[in-house]
N, C-alpha and C. Protein backbone atom coordinates (compact mmCIF):
# COMPACT_ATOMS: atom_id res chain seq x y z
N MET A 1 125.66 208.86 97.14
CA MET A 1 125.27 207.70 97.93
C MET A 1 124.05 207.03 97.28
N ALA A 2 124.04 205.75 97.26
CA ALA A 2 122.90 205.01 96.75
C ALA A 2 122.04 204.56 97.93
N LEU A 3 120.78 204.38 97.68
CA LEU A 3 119.89 203.89 98.72
C LEU A 3 120.27 202.47 99.12
N GLY A 4 120.03 202.13 100.39
CA GLY A 4 120.30 200.79 100.88
C GLY A 4 119.23 199.81 100.44
N ALA A 5 119.48 198.55 100.67
CA ALA A 5 118.57 197.48 100.25
C ALA A 5 117.21 197.53 100.95
N ASN A 6 117.14 198.20 102.10
CA ASN A 6 115.88 198.26 102.84
C ASN A 6 115.04 199.49 102.53
N ALA A 7 115.50 200.35 101.64
CA ALA A 7 114.79 201.59 101.33
C ALA A 7 113.40 201.30 100.76
N LEU A 8 112.41 202.05 101.22
CA LEU A 8 111.04 201.83 100.79
C LEU A 8 110.50 202.93 99.89
N ILE A 9 111.26 204.02 99.74
CA ILE A 9 110.91 205.06 98.76
C ILE A 9 112.21 205.52 98.09
N THR A 10 112.07 206.21 97.00
CA THR A 10 113.23 206.74 96.30
C THR A 10 113.39 208.23 96.62
N PHE A 11 114.56 208.74 96.30
CA PHE A 11 114.78 210.19 96.45
C PHE A 11 113.79 210.94 95.56
N ALA A 12 113.55 210.44 94.36
CA ALA A 12 112.63 211.12 93.43
C ALA A 12 111.23 211.22 94.05
N TYR A 13 110.79 210.20 94.75
CA TYR A 13 109.49 210.23 95.41
C TYR A 13 109.46 211.33 96.48
N ALA A 14 110.48 211.34 97.34
CA ALA A 14 110.55 212.36 98.40
C ALA A 14 110.69 213.75 97.79
N GLN A 15 111.46 213.87 96.74
CA GLN A 15 111.66 215.14 96.07
C GLN A 15 110.34 215.65 95.50
N GLY A 16 109.54 214.75 94.93
CA GLY A 16 108.24 215.12 94.40
C GLY A 16 107.29 215.62 95.47
N LEU A 17 107.37 215.05 96.66
CA LEU A 17 106.49 215.48 97.76
C LEU A 17 106.95 216.80 98.39
N PHE A 18 108.25 216.92 98.61
CA PHE A 18 108.76 218.02 99.41
C PHE A 18 109.59 219.04 98.65
N GLY A 19 109.90 218.77 97.39
CA GLY A 19 110.67 219.72 96.59
C GLY A 19 112.13 219.82 96.96
N PHE A 20 112.72 218.74 97.44
CA PHE A 20 114.13 218.77 97.81
C PHE A 20 115.00 219.13 96.60
N ALA A 21 116.06 219.85 96.85
CA ALA A 21 117.03 220.19 95.81
C ALA A 21 117.90 218.96 95.54
N ALA A 22 118.44 218.89 94.35
CA ALA A 22 119.32 217.78 93.99
C ALA A 22 120.51 217.71 94.94
N ALA A 23 120.96 218.84 95.46
CA ALA A 23 122.09 218.89 96.38
C ALA A 23 121.78 218.18 97.71
N ASP A 24 120.50 217.99 98.00
CA ASP A 24 120.09 217.33 99.25
C ASP A 24 120.00 215.82 99.13
N GLN A 25 120.30 215.29 97.96
CA GLN A 25 120.05 213.87 97.71
C GLN A 25 120.75 212.95 98.71
N THR A 26 122.03 213.17 98.98
CA THR A 26 122.76 212.28 99.90
C THR A 26 122.13 212.31 101.29
N LYS A 27 121.82 213.50 101.79
CA LYS A 27 121.22 213.63 103.12
C LYS A 27 119.84 212.96 103.16
N VAL A 28 119.02 213.19 102.15
CA VAL A 28 117.67 212.64 102.12
C VAL A 28 117.72 211.12 101.97
N GLU A 29 118.62 210.60 101.15
CA GLU A 29 118.72 209.14 101.00
C GLU A 29 119.19 208.48 102.28
N THR A 30 120.06 209.14 103.03
CA THR A 30 120.47 208.62 104.33
C THR A 30 119.26 208.54 105.26
N LEU A 31 118.42 209.57 105.23
CA LEU A 31 117.22 209.59 106.08
C LEU A 31 116.17 208.59 105.59
N ILE A 32 116.09 208.37 104.29
CA ILE A 32 115.18 207.34 103.76
C ILE A 32 115.59 205.97 104.30
N ASP A 33 116.89 205.69 104.27
CA ASP A 33 117.38 204.41 104.82
C ASP A 33 117.05 204.30 106.31
N ALA A 34 117.27 205.38 107.05
CA ALA A 34 116.99 205.36 108.49
C ALA A 34 115.49 205.19 108.74
N ALA A 35 114.66 205.90 107.99
CA ALA A 35 113.21 205.81 108.17
C ALA A 35 112.72 204.41 107.80
N SER A 36 113.29 203.81 106.77
CA SER A 36 112.90 202.45 106.38
C SER A 36 113.29 201.45 107.46
N ALA A 37 114.46 201.64 108.06
CA ALA A 37 114.90 200.75 109.15
C ALA A 37 113.96 200.88 110.35
N VAL A 38 113.54 202.10 110.66
CA VAL A 38 112.60 202.32 111.76
C VAL A 38 111.26 201.64 111.46
N ALA A 39 110.82 201.71 110.22
CA ALA A 39 109.57 201.05 109.83
C ALA A 39 109.68 199.54 110.02
N ASN A 40 110.83 198.97 109.68
CA ASN A 40 111.05 197.54 109.90
C ASN A 40 110.95 197.19 111.38
N LEU A 41 111.59 197.99 112.21
CA LEU A 41 111.54 197.75 113.66
C LEU A 41 110.11 197.88 114.18
N TYR A 42 109.41 198.90 113.73
CA TYR A 42 108.05 199.16 114.21
C TYR A 42 107.10 198.03 113.82
N THR A 43 107.25 197.51 112.61
CA THR A 43 106.34 196.48 112.12
C THR A 43 106.79 195.06 112.45
N HIS A 44 108.00 194.91 112.98
CA HIS A 44 108.58 193.59 113.27
C HIS A 44 108.72 192.76 111.99
N ARG A 45 109.01 193.44 110.88
CA ARG A 45 109.12 192.78 109.59
C ARG A 45 110.24 193.41 108.78
N ALA A 46 110.69 192.67 107.78
CA ALA A 46 111.58 193.23 106.75
C ALA A 46 110.65 193.61 105.60
N LEU A 47 110.34 194.88 105.47
CA LEU A 47 109.33 195.32 104.51
C LEU A 47 109.81 195.30 103.06
N ALA A 48 111.08 195.58 102.83
CA ALA A 48 111.61 195.59 101.47
C ALA A 48 111.89 194.15 101.02
N ALA A 49 111.70 193.89 99.75
CA ALA A 49 111.90 192.54 99.21
C ALA A 49 113.32 192.05 99.47
N ALA A 50 113.42 190.82 99.97
CA ALA A 50 114.71 190.20 100.28
C ALA A 50 114.53 188.70 100.34
N ASP A 51 115.64 187.98 100.19
CA ASP A 51 115.63 186.53 100.34
C ASP A 51 115.78 186.16 101.81
N HIS A 52 115.09 185.12 102.21
CA HIS A 52 115.12 184.66 103.60
C HIS A 52 115.29 183.14 103.59
N THR A 53 116.05 182.63 104.52
CA THR A 53 116.15 181.19 104.76
C THR A 53 116.01 180.99 106.26
N GLU A 54 115.03 180.19 106.65
CA GLU A 54 114.81 179.95 108.07
C GLU A 54 114.42 178.49 108.30
N THR A 55 114.78 178.01 109.46
CA THR A 55 114.33 176.70 109.91
C THR A 55 113.23 176.96 110.93
N LEU A 56 112.05 176.42 110.64
CA LEU A 56 110.87 176.73 111.44
C LEU A 56 110.32 175.49 112.12
N ASP A 57 109.53 175.71 113.15
CA ASP A 57 108.85 174.62 113.83
C ASP A 57 107.70 174.13 112.96
N GLY A 58 107.46 172.82 112.96
CA GLY A 58 106.29 172.27 112.29
C GLY A 58 105.05 172.65 113.07
N THR A 59 103.90 172.59 112.42
CA THR A 59 102.64 173.03 113.04
C THR A 59 101.72 171.88 113.42
N GLY A 60 102.02 170.67 112.89
CA GLY A 60 101.10 169.57 113.10
C GLY A 60 99.87 169.70 112.20
N LYS A 61 99.93 170.60 111.25
CA LYS A 61 98.80 170.87 110.34
C LYS A 61 99.31 170.87 108.90
N THR A 62 98.43 171.14 107.98
CA THR A 62 98.81 171.18 106.56
C THR A 62 99.24 172.57 106.12
N ASN A 63 99.18 173.53 107.03
CA ASN A 63 99.62 174.87 106.65
C ASN A 63 100.66 175.40 107.63
N LEU A 64 101.46 176.33 107.13
CA LEU A 64 102.54 176.94 107.88
C LEU A 64 102.57 178.41 107.49
N ILE A 65 102.76 179.29 108.45
CA ILE A 65 102.82 180.71 108.17
C ILE A 65 104.27 181.17 108.23
N LEU A 66 104.74 181.76 107.14
CA LEU A 66 106.11 182.30 107.09
C LEU A 66 106.16 183.63 107.83
N PRO A 67 107.26 183.91 108.50
CA PRO A 67 107.35 185.14 109.29
C PRO A 67 107.54 186.42 108.47
N GLN A 68 107.91 186.31 107.21
CA GLN A 68 108.07 187.49 106.36
C GLN A 68 107.11 187.38 105.18
N PHE A 69 106.42 188.45 104.88
CA PHE A 69 105.45 188.49 103.79
C PHE A 69 105.35 189.92 103.30
N PRO A 70 104.79 190.19 102.15
CA PRO A 70 104.15 189.29 101.21
C PRO A 70 105.19 188.40 100.52
N VAL A 71 104.78 187.16 100.29
CA VAL A 71 105.67 186.19 99.67
C VAL A 71 105.67 186.42 98.15
N ASN A 72 106.86 186.60 97.61
CA ASN A 72 107.01 186.77 96.17
C ASN A 72 107.31 185.45 95.48
N SER A 73 108.07 184.59 96.15
CA SER A 73 108.42 183.28 95.59
C SER A 73 108.96 182.40 96.71
N VAL A 74 108.88 181.10 96.50
CA VAL A 74 109.49 180.12 97.41
C VAL A 74 110.49 179.33 96.59
N ALA A 75 111.74 179.37 96.99
CA ALA A 75 112.80 178.69 96.25
C ALA A 75 112.93 177.23 96.67
N SER A 76 112.77 176.94 97.96
CA SER A 76 112.88 175.56 98.42
C SER A 76 112.13 175.36 99.72
N LEU A 77 111.66 174.15 99.90
CA LEU A 77 110.95 173.75 101.11
C LEU A 77 111.40 172.33 101.46
N TYR A 78 111.82 172.15 102.70
CA TYR A 78 112.25 170.84 103.19
C TYR A 78 111.45 170.53 104.46
N VAL A 79 111.02 169.30 104.58
CA VAL A 79 110.40 168.82 105.81
C VAL A 79 111.19 167.58 106.23
N ASP A 80 111.87 167.68 107.37
CA ASP A 80 112.77 166.61 107.79
C ASP A 80 112.80 166.53 109.32
N THR A 81 112.23 165.47 109.85
CA THR A 81 112.20 165.30 111.31
C THR A 81 113.58 165.08 111.89
N ASP A 82 114.55 164.65 111.05
CA ASP A 82 115.93 164.47 111.51
C ASP A 82 116.77 165.74 111.36
N ARG A 83 116.23 166.72 110.69
CA ARG A 83 116.86 168.04 110.50
C ARG A 83 118.16 168.00 109.69
N SER A 84 118.27 167.07 108.76
CA SER A 84 119.45 167.05 107.89
C SER A 84 119.19 167.82 106.59
N PHE A 85 117.93 167.93 106.22
CA PHE A 85 117.48 168.71 105.07
C PHE A 85 118.23 168.38 103.78
N GLY A 86 118.37 167.08 103.52
CA GLY A 86 119.00 166.62 102.29
C GLY A 86 118.01 166.60 101.13
N ALA A 87 118.51 166.22 99.97
CA ALA A 87 117.70 166.20 98.75
C ALA A 87 116.45 165.34 98.89
N THR A 88 116.52 164.28 99.66
CA THR A 88 115.36 163.39 99.80
C THR A 88 114.24 163.99 100.64
N THR A 89 114.52 165.07 101.34
CA THR A 89 113.49 165.70 102.17
C THR A 89 112.90 166.96 101.52
N ALA A 90 113.31 167.24 100.29
CA ALA A 90 112.77 168.40 99.58
C ALA A 90 111.31 168.14 99.19
N ILE A 91 110.50 169.14 99.35
CA ILE A 91 109.07 169.05 99.02
C ILE A 91 108.83 169.93 97.80
N THR A 92 108.09 169.40 96.84
CA THR A 92 107.80 170.19 95.64
C THR A 92 106.30 170.37 95.41
N ASP A 93 105.48 169.56 96.05
CA ASP A 93 104.03 169.63 95.83
C ASP A 93 103.33 170.46 96.92
N TYR A 94 103.69 171.71 96.99
CA TYR A 94 103.12 172.64 97.96
C TYR A 94 102.57 173.84 97.21
N GLN A 95 101.79 174.62 97.91
CA GLN A 95 101.29 175.88 97.37
C GLN A 95 101.66 176.97 98.36
N TYR A 96 101.96 178.15 97.86
CA TYR A 96 102.19 179.28 98.76
C TYR A 96 101.30 180.44 98.34
N TYR A 97 101.05 181.28 99.30
CA TYR A 97 100.16 182.42 99.08
C TYR A 97 100.90 183.68 99.52
N THR A 98 100.55 184.81 98.92
CA THR A 98 101.27 186.05 99.21
C THR A 98 101.18 186.46 100.67
N ASP A 99 100.14 186.04 101.38
CA ASP A 99 99.99 186.44 102.78
C ASP A 99 100.94 185.70 103.72
N GLY A 100 101.77 184.78 103.17
CA GLY A 100 102.76 184.09 103.98
C GLY A 100 102.43 182.65 104.29
N GLU A 101 101.29 182.18 103.85
CA GLU A 101 100.89 180.80 104.14
C GLU A 101 101.44 179.85 103.09
N ILE A 102 101.95 178.70 103.58
CA ILE A 102 102.33 177.59 102.71
C ILE A 102 101.42 176.43 103.05
N TYR A 103 100.86 175.82 102.01
CA TYR A 103 100.00 174.64 102.19
C TYR A 103 100.72 173.43 101.62
N TYR A 104 100.79 172.37 102.41
CA TYR A 104 101.38 171.11 101.98
C TYR A 104 100.48 169.99 102.48
N ALA A 105 99.87 169.24 101.57
CA ALA A 105 98.89 168.21 101.93
C ALA A 105 99.48 167.15 102.85
N GLY A 106 100.79 166.89 102.73
CA GLY A 106 101.44 165.90 103.59
C GLY A 106 101.57 166.36 105.03
N GLY A 107 101.41 167.63 105.26
CA GLY A 107 101.45 168.18 106.61
C GLY A 107 102.85 168.46 107.13
N PHE A 108 102.91 169.37 108.06
CA PHE A 108 104.15 169.75 108.72
C PHE A 108 104.13 169.15 110.12
N PRO A 109 104.98 168.15 110.40
CA PRO A 109 104.93 167.49 111.71
C PRO A 109 105.12 168.48 112.87
N ASP A 110 104.48 168.19 113.95
CA ASP A 110 104.56 169.05 115.14
C ASP A 110 105.88 168.79 115.87
N ILE A 111 106.97 169.17 115.20
CA ILE A 111 108.32 168.94 115.72
C ILE A 111 109.11 170.24 115.55
N ARG A 112 109.89 170.58 116.55
CA ARG A 112 110.69 171.81 116.49
C ARG A 112 111.71 171.76 115.35
N LYS A 113 111.82 172.87 114.65
CA LYS A 113 112.85 173.10 113.64
C LYS A 113 112.96 171.98 112.58
N CYS A 114 111.82 171.47 112.14
CA CYS A 114 111.83 170.39 111.15
C CYS A 114 111.48 170.86 109.74
N VAL A 115 111.28 172.16 109.58
CA VAL A 115 110.92 172.72 108.27
C VAL A 115 111.95 173.79 107.91
N LYS A 116 112.54 173.64 106.73
CA LYS A 116 113.49 174.64 106.26
C LYS A 116 112.93 175.24 104.97
N VAL A 117 112.85 176.57 104.94
CA VAL A 117 112.26 177.27 103.80
C VAL A 117 113.20 178.38 103.34
N THR A 118 113.34 178.50 102.03
CA THR A 118 114.03 179.63 101.43
C THR A 118 113.01 180.33 100.54
N TRP A 119 112.80 181.62 100.79
CA TRP A 119 111.79 182.35 100.04
C TRP A 119 112.18 183.82 99.91
N ASN A 120 111.47 184.49 99.01
CA ASN A 120 111.65 185.92 98.84
C ASN A 120 110.34 186.58 99.27
N ALA A 121 110.47 187.60 100.11
CA ALA A 121 109.28 188.28 100.60
C ALA A 121 109.57 189.76 100.74
N GLY A 122 108.53 190.55 100.65
CA GLY A 122 108.63 191.98 100.85
C GLY A 122 108.17 192.76 99.64
N TYR A 123 108.24 194.06 99.79
CA TYR A 123 107.78 194.97 98.74
C TYR A 123 108.95 195.45 97.90
N THR A 124 108.71 195.60 96.62
CA THR A 124 109.72 196.09 95.69
C THR A 124 109.56 197.59 95.56
N ILE A 125 110.64 198.32 95.79
CA ILE A 125 110.59 199.78 95.83
C ILE A 125 110.00 200.39 94.56
N SER A 126 110.25 199.78 93.43
CA SER A 126 109.80 200.38 92.18
C SER A 126 108.36 200.08 91.83
N SER A 127 107.74 199.09 92.53
CA SER A 127 106.40 198.76 92.07
C SER A 127 105.38 198.36 93.13
N THR A 128 105.78 197.75 94.23
CA THR A 128 104.74 197.17 95.10
C THR A 128 104.65 197.74 96.51
N VAL A 129 105.44 198.73 96.86
CA VAL A 129 105.33 199.30 98.21
C VAL A 129 103.97 200.02 98.30
N PRO A 130 103.12 199.61 99.25
CA PRO A 130 101.82 200.26 99.37
C PRO A 130 101.95 201.77 99.63
N ASP A 131 100.99 202.51 99.13
CA ASP A 131 101.02 203.98 99.25
C ASP A 131 101.14 204.44 100.70
N ASP A 132 100.43 203.80 101.62
CA ASP A 132 100.48 204.27 103.00
C ASP A 132 101.86 204.04 103.63
N ILE A 133 102.57 202.99 103.23
CA ILE A 133 103.94 202.81 103.72
C ILE A 133 104.84 203.89 103.13
N GLN A 134 104.69 204.19 101.85
CA GLN A 134 105.50 205.23 101.23
C GLN A 134 105.28 206.59 101.92
N ILE A 135 104.03 206.91 102.18
CA ILE A 135 103.72 208.18 102.85
C ILE A 135 104.31 208.18 104.26
N ALA A 136 104.22 207.06 104.98
CA ALA A 136 104.78 206.98 106.34
C ALA A 136 106.29 207.22 106.30
N ILE A 137 106.99 206.61 105.34
CA ILE A 137 108.44 206.79 105.24
C ILE A 137 108.75 208.25 104.93
N ALA A 138 108.00 208.84 104.01
CA ALA A 138 108.21 210.26 103.68
C ALA A 138 107.97 211.14 104.90
N GLU A 139 106.93 210.84 105.69
CA GLU A 139 106.66 211.61 106.91
C GLU A 139 107.81 211.50 107.90
N ILE A 140 108.35 210.31 108.05
CA ILE A 140 109.46 210.11 108.99
C ILE A 140 110.69 210.87 108.51
N VAL A 141 110.94 210.85 107.20
CA VAL A 141 112.07 211.63 106.64
C VAL A 141 111.87 213.11 106.96
N GLN A 142 110.70 213.64 106.71
CA GLN A 142 110.42 215.05 106.99
C GLN A 142 110.54 215.34 108.49
N TRP A 143 110.11 214.41 109.32
CA TRP A 143 110.20 214.55 110.77
C TRP A 143 111.65 214.63 111.21
N TYR A 144 112.50 213.73 110.65
CA TYR A 144 113.93 213.78 110.95
C TYR A 144 114.52 215.13 110.55
N LEU A 145 114.18 215.59 109.36
CA LEU A 145 114.73 216.87 108.89
C LEU A 145 114.31 218.02 109.81
N SER A 146 113.07 218.01 110.26
CA SER A 146 112.60 219.05 111.18
C SER A 146 113.34 219.00 112.51
N LYS A 147 113.62 217.79 112.99
CA LYS A 147 114.38 217.64 114.23
C LYS A 147 115.78 218.22 114.07
N PHE A 148 116.41 217.93 112.93
CA PHE A 148 117.76 218.41 112.68
C PHE A 148 117.81 219.92 112.53
N ASP A 149 116.71 220.50 112.06
CA ASP A 149 116.65 221.95 111.88
C ASP A 149 116.30 222.68 113.18
N GLY A 150 116.11 221.91 114.27
CA GLY A 150 115.86 222.52 115.57
C GLY A 150 114.43 222.94 115.81
N ASP A 151 113.48 222.36 115.07
CA ASP A 151 112.08 222.74 115.23
C ASP A 151 111.43 222.11 116.46
N GLY A 152 112.13 221.22 117.14
CA GLY A 152 111.56 220.60 118.34
C GLY A 152 110.46 219.62 118.02
N VAL A 153 110.41 219.11 116.82
CA VAL A 153 109.38 218.16 116.45
C VAL A 153 109.56 216.90 117.28
N GLY A 154 108.46 216.41 117.81
CA GLY A 154 108.50 215.17 118.58
C GLY A 154 108.83 215.36 120.04
N ILE A 155 109.10 216.58 120.46
CA ILE A 155 109.42 216.84 121.86
C ILE A 155 108.14 217.23 122.59
N SER A 156 107.87 216.56 123.69
CA SER A 156 106.71 216.86 124.51
C SER A 156 107.18 217.31 125.88
N ALA A 157 106.41 218.16 126.49
CA ALA A 157 106.72 218.63 127.83
C ALA A 157 105.52 218.41 128.73
N ILE A 158 105.79 217.91 129.93
CA ILE A 158 104.74 217.69 130.91
C ILE A 158 105.17 218.41 132.19
N GLN A 159 104.26 219.22 132.71
CA GLN A 159 104.55 219.94 133.95
C GLN A 159 103.73 219.34 135.05
N ASN A 160 104.41 218.94 136.14
CA ASN A 160 103.68 218.37 137.27
C ASN A 160 103.18 219.50 138.18
N PRO A 161 102.38 219.20 139.18
CA PRO A 161 101.82 220.25 140.06
C PRO A 161 102.88 221.09 140.78
N ASP A 162 104.09 220.57 140.96
CA ASP A 162 105.15 221.33 141.62
C ASP A 162 105.88 222.26 140.66
N GLY A 163 105.47 222.28 139.42
CA GLY A 163 106.10 223.16 138.44
C GLY A 163 107.31 222.56 137.74
N ILE A 164 107.61 221.31 137.99
CA ILE A 164 108.75 220.66 137.34
C ILE A 164 108.32 220.18 135.95
N VAL A 165 109.12 220.55 134.97
CA VAL A 165 108.81 220.18 133.59
C VAL A 165 109.70 219.01 133.17
N SER A 166 109.06 217.99 132.66
CA SER A 166 109.78 216.84 132.10
C SER A 166 109.61 216.89 130.59
N ARG A 167 110.71 216.76 129.89
CA ARG A 167 110.67 216.76 128.42
C ARG A 167 111.12 215.40 127.91
N TYR A 168 110.45 214.94 126.89
CA TYR A 168 110.87 213.69 126.25
C TYR A 168 110.58 213.78 124.77
N GLU A 169 111.22 212.92 124.05
CA GLU A 169 111.09 212.94 122.61
C GLU A 169 110.31 211.71 122.16
N ARG A 170 109.31 211.92 121.36
CA ARG A 170 108.50 210.81 120.85
C ARG A 170 109.30 210.04 119.81
N ASP A 171 108.98 208.77 119.65
CA ASP A 171 109.76 207.93 118.75
C ASP A 171 109.44 208.12 117.28
N LEU A 172 108.21 208.31 116.92
CA LEU A 172 107.79 208.50 115.53
C LEU A 172 106.57 209.40 115.49
N PRO A 173 106.36 210.07 114.38
CA PRO A 173 105.12 210.85 114.27
C PRO A 173 103.90 209.93 114.38
N TYR A 174 102.88 210.41 115.04
CA TYR A 174 101.68 209.62 115.26
C TYR A 174 101.07 209.15 113.93
N SER A 175 101.01 210.03 112.96
CA SER A 175 100.40 209.66 111.67
C SER A 175 101.19 208.55 110.98
N ALA A 176 102.51 208.54 111.10
CA ALA A 176 103.32 207.48 110.50
C ALA A 176 103.05 206.16 111.22
N ARG A 177 102.93 206.21 112.55
CA ARG A 177 102.62 204.99 113.30
C ARG A 177 101.26 204.44 112.90
N GLN A 178 100.30 205.34 112.68
CA GLN A 178 98.96 204.91 112.25
C GLN A 178 99.01 204.24 110.88
N ARG A 179 99.80 204.79 109.98
CA ARG A 179 99.91 204.23 108.62
C ARG A 179 100.62 202.86 108.64
N LEU A 180 101.61 202.70 109.51
CA LEU A 180 102.38 201.46 109.57
C LEU A 180 101.68 200.38 110.40
N GLY A 181 100.78 200.78 111.26
CA GLY A 181 100.11 199.85 112.18
C GLY A 181 99.53 198.59 111.52
N PRO A 182 98.80 198.72 110.41
CA PRO A 182 98.22 197.53 109.78
C PRO A 182 99.24 196.54 109.25
N TYR A 183 100.50 196.95 109.12
CA TYR A 183 101.54 196.09 108.59
C TYR A 183 102.36 195.40 109.67
N LYS A 184 102.00 195.65 110.94
CA LYS A 184 102.72 195.03 112.04
C LYS A 184 102.51 193.53 112.05
N ARG A 185 103.59 192.81 112.25
CA ARG A 185 103.50 191.37 112.43
C ARG A 185 103.32 191.09 113.90
N VAL A 186 102.32 190.30 114.22
CA VAL A 186 102.11 189.91 115.61
C VAL A 186 103.10 188.81 115.92
N ARG A 187 103.86 189.00 116.96
CA ARG A 187 104.90 188.01 117.30
C ARG A 187 104.32 186.87 118.06
């Protein structure tokens, strides 16, 4: 099995941390994909590099913030109050920044869905995934493996005064949530 497009670490990375056998590769890569998907949900972002095309609301200002970052490139930008986004509405004299901001001196009109952008954003597995995200993904993979082995990882029990025990399972290891927290997109 090959890793999916959203994977944020490689099998070799996980193997280096935990000493997985080559025979475990398919299982571990499946868990890497699952852990990466959970990280995307937790951060409200697509963390792995991918192309995006969205029609966004104008801001009434000279800057616009893209919902996915870090921005690697912008392929096209259109500003069209009629929303036809033809060749005559293409903008070429803009600047973009890795944090997701696009600056256009002509301004983005304060009109719903009048800006269309195609861009590439996210981290590249082989070079730009921050260390703390990689460690968080590895922790989640190890957490999943422990759950499958019956270690009860993530299970908490609370006993009320009447002696009734309630058990529930936590969604992610606390340390992984702490590592991913700074990458959360505020909606």
